[in-house]
Amino acid sequence: MAPARLEQRVTFDYSPDAVWQDQAACKGMNSELFFMTDDGQPHPTARAVCEGCPVRLDCLEYAQRTRSVGVWGGTTEEDRNRGRRRAIPTDERDRVCAFVAANWERGETIPSIVERLNAEGFRSPRVRAKWNVLDVLDILRRVEGVH
């Protein structure tokens, strides 16, 4: 007789900056749903849960920062690796931070800042990708203390 399989529930390693985890749509669900199936594909339920989750971006940022495995923020490891970050020279990073901060102080919205970064030709910190909202939020958190 095969041993009974225990169902593991989604839990998180808590840290003071991770209060978003209490609001995660997947909290308490079977964690196996958030790992690849035998055919190497994400379980369809995982992305559906993530799609409507109110903390999807926080979850995605966490996965990118911790190199977590499985589906986080509606993305697989492969999805996240495609958007992995590259080092930007300090002088260029300083110009980007100044550009973002100045536009933010003028009252520009984050999507508009993203659009301008891409239009102005600033190099994205991600390989083969354009600037996105998460990139700008990361800069604003560091420069302006925006949460």
C-alpha atoms as a PDB file:
ATOM      1  CA  MET A   1       0.000   0.000   0.000  1.00  0.00           C
ATOM      2  CA  ALA A   2       1.358   3.431  -0.984  1.00  0.00           C
ATOM      3  CA  PRO A   3       1.950   5.938   1.819  1.00  0.00           C
ATOM      4  CA  ALA A   4      -0.698   8.596   2.222  1.00  0.00           C
ATOM      5  CA  ARG A   5       0.304  11.863   0.619  1.00  0.00           C
ATOM      6  CA  LEU A   6       0.182  14.898   2.834  1.00  0.00           C
ATOM      7  CA  GLU A   7      -1.228  18.014   1.314  1.00  0.00           C
ATOM      8  CA  GLN A   8       0.999  20.998   1.949  1.00  0.00           C
ATOM      9  CA  ARG A   9      -0.636  24.392   2.225  1.00  0.00           C
ATOM     10  CA  VAL A  10       0.801  27.659   0.930  1.00  0.00           C
ATOM     11  CA  THR A  11       2.609  29.395   3.740  1.00  0.00           C
ATOM     12  CA  PHE A  12       5.172  32.160   3.697  1.00  0.00           C
ATOM     13  CA  ASP A  13       8.375  33.008   5.508  1.00  0.00           C
ATOM     14  CA  TYR A  14       7.360  36.195   7.210  1.00  0.00           C
ATOM     15  CA  SER A  15       9.517  39.255   7.427  1.00  0.00           C
ATOM     16  CA  PRO A  16       8.561  42.769   8.532  1.00  0.00           C
ATOM     17  CA  ASP A  17       8.435  44.003   4.924  1.00  0.00           C
ATOM     18  CA  ALA A  18       6.188  41.164   3.728  1.00  0.00           C
ATOM     19  CA  VAL A  19       2.786  42.066   5.194  1.00  0.00           C
ATOM     20  CA  TRP A  20       1.403  41.654   1.671  1.00  0.00           C
ATOM     21  CA  GLN A  21       1.501  37.889   2.196  1.00  0.00           C
ATOM     22  CA  ASP A  22      -1.548  38.021   4.475  1.00  0.00           C
ATOM     23  CA  GLN A  23      -3.586  39.305   1.512  1.00  0.00           C
ATOM     24  CA  ALA A  24      -2.353  36.717  -1.023  1.00  0.00           C
ATOM     25  CA  ALA A  25      -5.164  34.911  -2.844  1.00  0.00           C
ATOM     26  CA  CYS A  26      -3.201  31.644  -2.611  1.00  0.00           C
ATOM     27  CA  LYS A  27      -2.705  31.719   1.151  1.00  0.00           C
ATOM     28  CA  GLY A  28      -3.863  28.385   2.560  1.00  0.00           C
ATOM     29  CA  MET A  29      -4.220  26.682  -0.845  1.00  0.00           C
ATOM     30  CA  ASN A  30      -2.502  23.423  -1.789  1.00  0.00           C
ATOM     31  CA  SER A  31       1.081  24.468  -2.595  1.00  0.00           C
ATOM     32  CA  GLU A  32       1.461  21.748  -5.244  1.00  0.00           C
ATOM     33  CA  LEU A  33      -0.734  23.868  -7.511  1.00  0.00           C
ATOM     34  CA  PHE A  34       2.082  26.417  -7.723  1.00  0.00           C
ATOM     35  CA  PHE A  35       4.796  24.092  -8.998  1.00  0.00           C
ATOM     36  CA  MET A  36       5.309  22.656 -12.473  1.00  0.00           C
ATOM     37  CA  THR A  37       3.258  19.646 -13.500  1.00  0.00           C
ATOM     38  CA  ASP A  38       4.908  16.442 -14.748  1.00  0.00           C
ATOM     39  CA  ASP A  39       4.937  17.864 -18.287  1.00  0.00           C
ATOM     40  CA  GLY A  40       6.894  20.929 -17.121  1.00  0.00           C
ATOM     41  CA  GLN A  41       3.964  23.334 -17.387  1.00  0.00           C
ATOM     42  CA  PRO A  42       2.440  25.426 -14.613  1.00  0.00           C
ATOM     43  CA  HIS A  43      -0.823  24.130 -13.199  1.00  0.00           C
ATOM     44  CA  PRO A  44      -3.642  26.133 -14.884  1.00  0.00           C
ATOM     45  CA  THR A  45      -5.190  26.918 -11.517  1.00  0.00           C
ATOM     46  CA  ALA A  46      -2.036  28.700 -10.332  1.00  0.00           C
ATOM     47  CA  ARG A  47      -2.121  31.431 -12.952  1.00  0.00           C
ATOM     48  CA  ALA A  48      -5.875  31.832 -12.522  1.00  0.00           C
ATOM     49  CA  VAL A  49      -5.442  32.399  -8.779  1.00  0.00           C
ATOM     50  CA  CYS A  50      -2.603  34.867  -9.404  1.00  0.00           C
ATOM     51  CA  GLU A  51      -4.576  36.751 -12.059  1.00  0.00           C
ATOM     52  CA  GLY A  52      -7.053  38.101  -9.531  1.00  0.00           C
ATOM     53  CA  CYS A  53      -4.673  38.441  -6.592  1.00  0.00           C
ATOM     54  CA  PRO A  54      -4.499  41.915  -5.015  1.00  0.00           C
ATOM     55  CA  VAL A  55      -0.787  41.511  -4.154  1.00  0.00           C
ATOM     56  CA  ARG A  56       0.407  39.997  -7.431  1.00  0.00           C
ATOM     57  CA  LEU A  57       3.127  42.603  -8.011  1.00  0.00           C
ATOM     58  CA  ASP A  58       4.456  42.271  -4.453  1.00  0.00           C
ATOM     59  CA  CYS A  59       4.562  38.505  -4.927  1.00  0.00           C
ATOM     60  CA  LEU A  60       6.402  38.818  -8.238  1.00  0.00           C
ATOM     61  CA  GLU A  61       8.928  41.208  -6.746  1.00  0.00           C
ATOM     62  CA  TYR A  62       9.495  38.789  -3.848  1.00  0.00           C
ATOM     63  CA  ALA A  63      10.082  35.886  -6.251  1.00  0.00           C
ATOM     64  CA  GLN A  64      12.550  37.904  -8.298  1.00  0.00           C
ATOM     65  CA  ARG A  65      14.429  39.044  -5.206  1.00  0.00           C
ATOM     66  CA  THR A  66      14.582  35.583  -3.570  1.00  0.00           C
ATOM     67  CA  ARG A  67      14.867  33.497  -6.756  1.00  0.00           C
ATOM     68  CA  SER A  68      11.878  31.436  -5.596  1.00  0.00           C
ATOM     69  CA  VAL A  69      10.825  28.345  -7.522  1.00  0.00           C
ATOM     70  CA  GLY A  70       7.326  27.692  -8.812  1.00  0.00           C
ATOM     71  CA  VAL A  71       4.604  30.129  -9.854  1.00  0.00           C
ATOM     72  CA  TRP A  72       4.778  33.506  -8.089  1.00  0.00           C
ATOM     73  CA  GLY A  73       2.888  36.580  -9.183  1.00  0.00           C
ATOM     74  CA  GLY A  74       1.488  34.629 -12.121  1.00  0.00           C
ATOM     75  CA  THR A  75       4.957  33.899 -13.545  1.00  0.00           C
ATOM     76  CA  THR A  76       7.099  30.782 -13.733  1.00  0.00           C
ATOM     77  CA  GLU A  77      10.844  30.647 -13.083  1.00  0.00           C
ATOM     78  CA  GLU A  78      11.369  30.650 -16.844  1.00  0.00           C
ATOM     79  CA  ASP A  79       9.224  33.789 -17.213  1.00  0.00           C
ATOM     80  CA  ARG A  80      11.176  35.528 -14.469  1.00  0.00           C
ATOM     81  CA  ASN A  81      14.567  34.442 -15.831  1.00  0.00           C
ATOM     82  CA  ARG A  82      13.702  35.974 -19.189  1.00  0.00           C
ATOM     83  CA  GLY A  83      13.382  39.273 -17.337  1.00  0.00           C
ATOM     84  CA  ARG A  84      16.483  38.864 -15.172  1.00  0.00           C
ATOM     85  CA  ARG A  85      18.340  42.003 -14.300  1.00  0.00           C
ATOM     86  CA  ARG A  86      21.720  43.096 -15.547  1.00  0.00           C
ATOM     87  CA  ALA A  87      24.143  45.526 -14.008  1.00  0.00           C
ATOM     88  CA  ILE A  88      23.878  49.110 -15.194  1.00  0.00           C
ATOM     89  CA  PRO A  89      26.949  51.340 -14.870  1.00  0.00           C
ATOM     90  CA  THR A  90      26.742  53.646 -11.841  1.00  0.00           C
ATOM     91  CA  ASP A  91      26.694  56.873 -13.875  1.00  0.00           C
ATOM     92  CA  GLU A  92      23.801  55.626 -16.007  1.00  0.00           C
ATOM     93  CA  ARG A  93      21.938  54.362 -12.936  1.00  0.00           C
ATOM     94  CA  ASP A  94      22.353  57.803 -11.335  1.00  0.00           C
ATOM     95  CA  ARG A  95      20.943  59.471 -14.493  1.00  0.00           C
ATOM     96  CA  VAL A  96      17.955  57.100 -14.480  1.00  0.00           C
ATOM     97  CA  CYS A  97      17.276  57.730 -10.782  1.00  0.00           C
ATOM     98  CA  ALA A  98      17.458  61.493 -11.312  1.00  0.00           C
ATOM     99  CA  PHE A  99      15.174  61.246 -14.359  1.00  0.00           C
ATOM    100  CA  VAL A 100      12.587  59.168 -12.482  1.00  0.00           C
ATOM    101  CA  ALA A 101      12.703  61.365  -9.368  1.00  0.00           C
ATOM    102  CA  ALA A 102      12.359  64.601 -11.368  1.00  0.00           C
ATOM    103  CA  ASN A 103       9.377  63.284 -13.338  1.00  0.00           C
ATOM    104  CA  TRP A 104       7.751  61.951 -10.165  1.00  0.00           C
ATOM    105  CA  GLU A 105       8.167  65.309  -8.432  1.00  0.00           C
ATOM    106  CA  ARG A 106       6.509  67.009 -11.432  1.00  0.00           C
ATOM    107  CA  GLY A 107       3.481  64.812 -10.829  1.00  0.00           C
ATOM    108  CA  GLU A 108       3.982  62.297 -13.650  1.00  0.00           C
ATOM    109  CA  THR A 109       2.280  58.937 -13.201  1.00  0.00           C
ATOM    110  CA  ILE A 110       4.381  55.779 -13.034  1.00  0.00           C
ATOM    111  CA  PRO A 111       3.089  54.446 -16.400  1.00  0.00           C
ATOM    112  CA  SER A 112       3.970  57.776 -17.988  1.00  0.00           C
ATOM    113  CA  ILE A 113       7.484  57.643 -16.487  1.00  0.00           C
ATOM    114  CA  VAL A 114       7.890  54.101 -17.862  1.00  0.00           C
ATOM    115  CA  GLU A 115       6.837  55.316 -21.296  1.00  0.00           C
ATOM    116  CA  ARG A 116       9.293  58.210 -21.177  1.00  0.00           C
ATOM    117  CA  LEU A 117      12.189  56.004 -20.018  1.00  0.00           C
ATOM    118  CA  ASN A 118      11.622  53.713 -22.974  1.00  0.00           C
ATOM    119  CA  ALA A 119      11.162  56.607 -25.412  1.00  0.00           C
ATOM    120  CA  GLU A 120      14.322  58.383 -24.176  1.00  0.00           C
ATOM    121  CA  GLY A 121      16.372  55.230 -24.754  1.00  0.00           C
ATOM    122  CA  PHE A 122      17.482  54.536 -21.183  1.00  0.00           C
ATOM    123  CA  ARG A 123      18.758  50.947 -20.950  1.00  0.00           C
ATOM    124  CA  SER A 124      16.514  48.681 -18.916  1.00  0.00           C
ATOM    125  CA  PRO A 125      18.049  46.742 -16.015  1.00  0.00           C
ATOM    126  CA  ARG A 126      16.548  43.582 -17.492  1.00  0.00           C
ATOM    127  CA  VAL A 127      18.145  41.668 -20.338  1.00  0.00           C
ATOM    128  CA  ARG A 128      16.316  42.128 -23.667  1.00  0.00           C
ATOM    129  CA  ALA A 129      13.420  43.992 -22.111  1.00  0.00           C
ATOM    130  CA  LYS A 130      11.970  47.450 -21.763  1.00  0.00           C
ATOM    131  CA  TRP A 131      11.362  49.406 -18.587  1.00  0.00           C
ATOM    132  CA  ASN A 132       8.221  48.462 -16.700  1.00  0.00           C
ATOM    133  CA  VAL A 133       6.200  49.614 -13.699  1.00  0.00           C
ATOM    134  CA  LEU A 134       8.112  47.368 -11.269  1.00  0.00           C
ATOM    135  CA  ASP A 135      11.428  48.892 -12.343  1.00  0.00           C
ATOM    136  CA  VAL A 136      10.170  52.421 -11.711  1.00  0.00           C
ATOM    137  CA  LEU A 137       8.593  51.456  -8.375  1.00  0.00           C
ATOM    138  CA  ASP A 138      11.923  49.956  -7.327  1.00  0.00           C
ATOM    139  CA  ILE A 139      13.703  53.224  -8.133  1.00  0.00           C
ATOM    140  CA  LEU A 140      11.068  55.323  -6.366  1.00  0.00           C
ATOM    141  CA  ARG A 141      11.308  53.130  -3.268  1.00  0.00           C
ATOM    142  CA  ARG A 142      15.045  53.720  -3.124  1.00  0.00           C
ATOM    143  CA  VAL A 143      15.069  57.390  -4.084  1.00  0.00           C
ATOM    144  CA  GLU A 144      11.836  58.734  -2.660  1.00  0.00           C
ATOM    145  CA  GLY A 145      10.810  56.157  -0.065  1.00  0.00           C
ATOM    146  CA  VAL A 146       7.566  55.403  -1.997  1.00  0.00           C
ATOM    147  CA  HIS A 147       5.827  52.198  -0.879  1.00  0.00           C
END
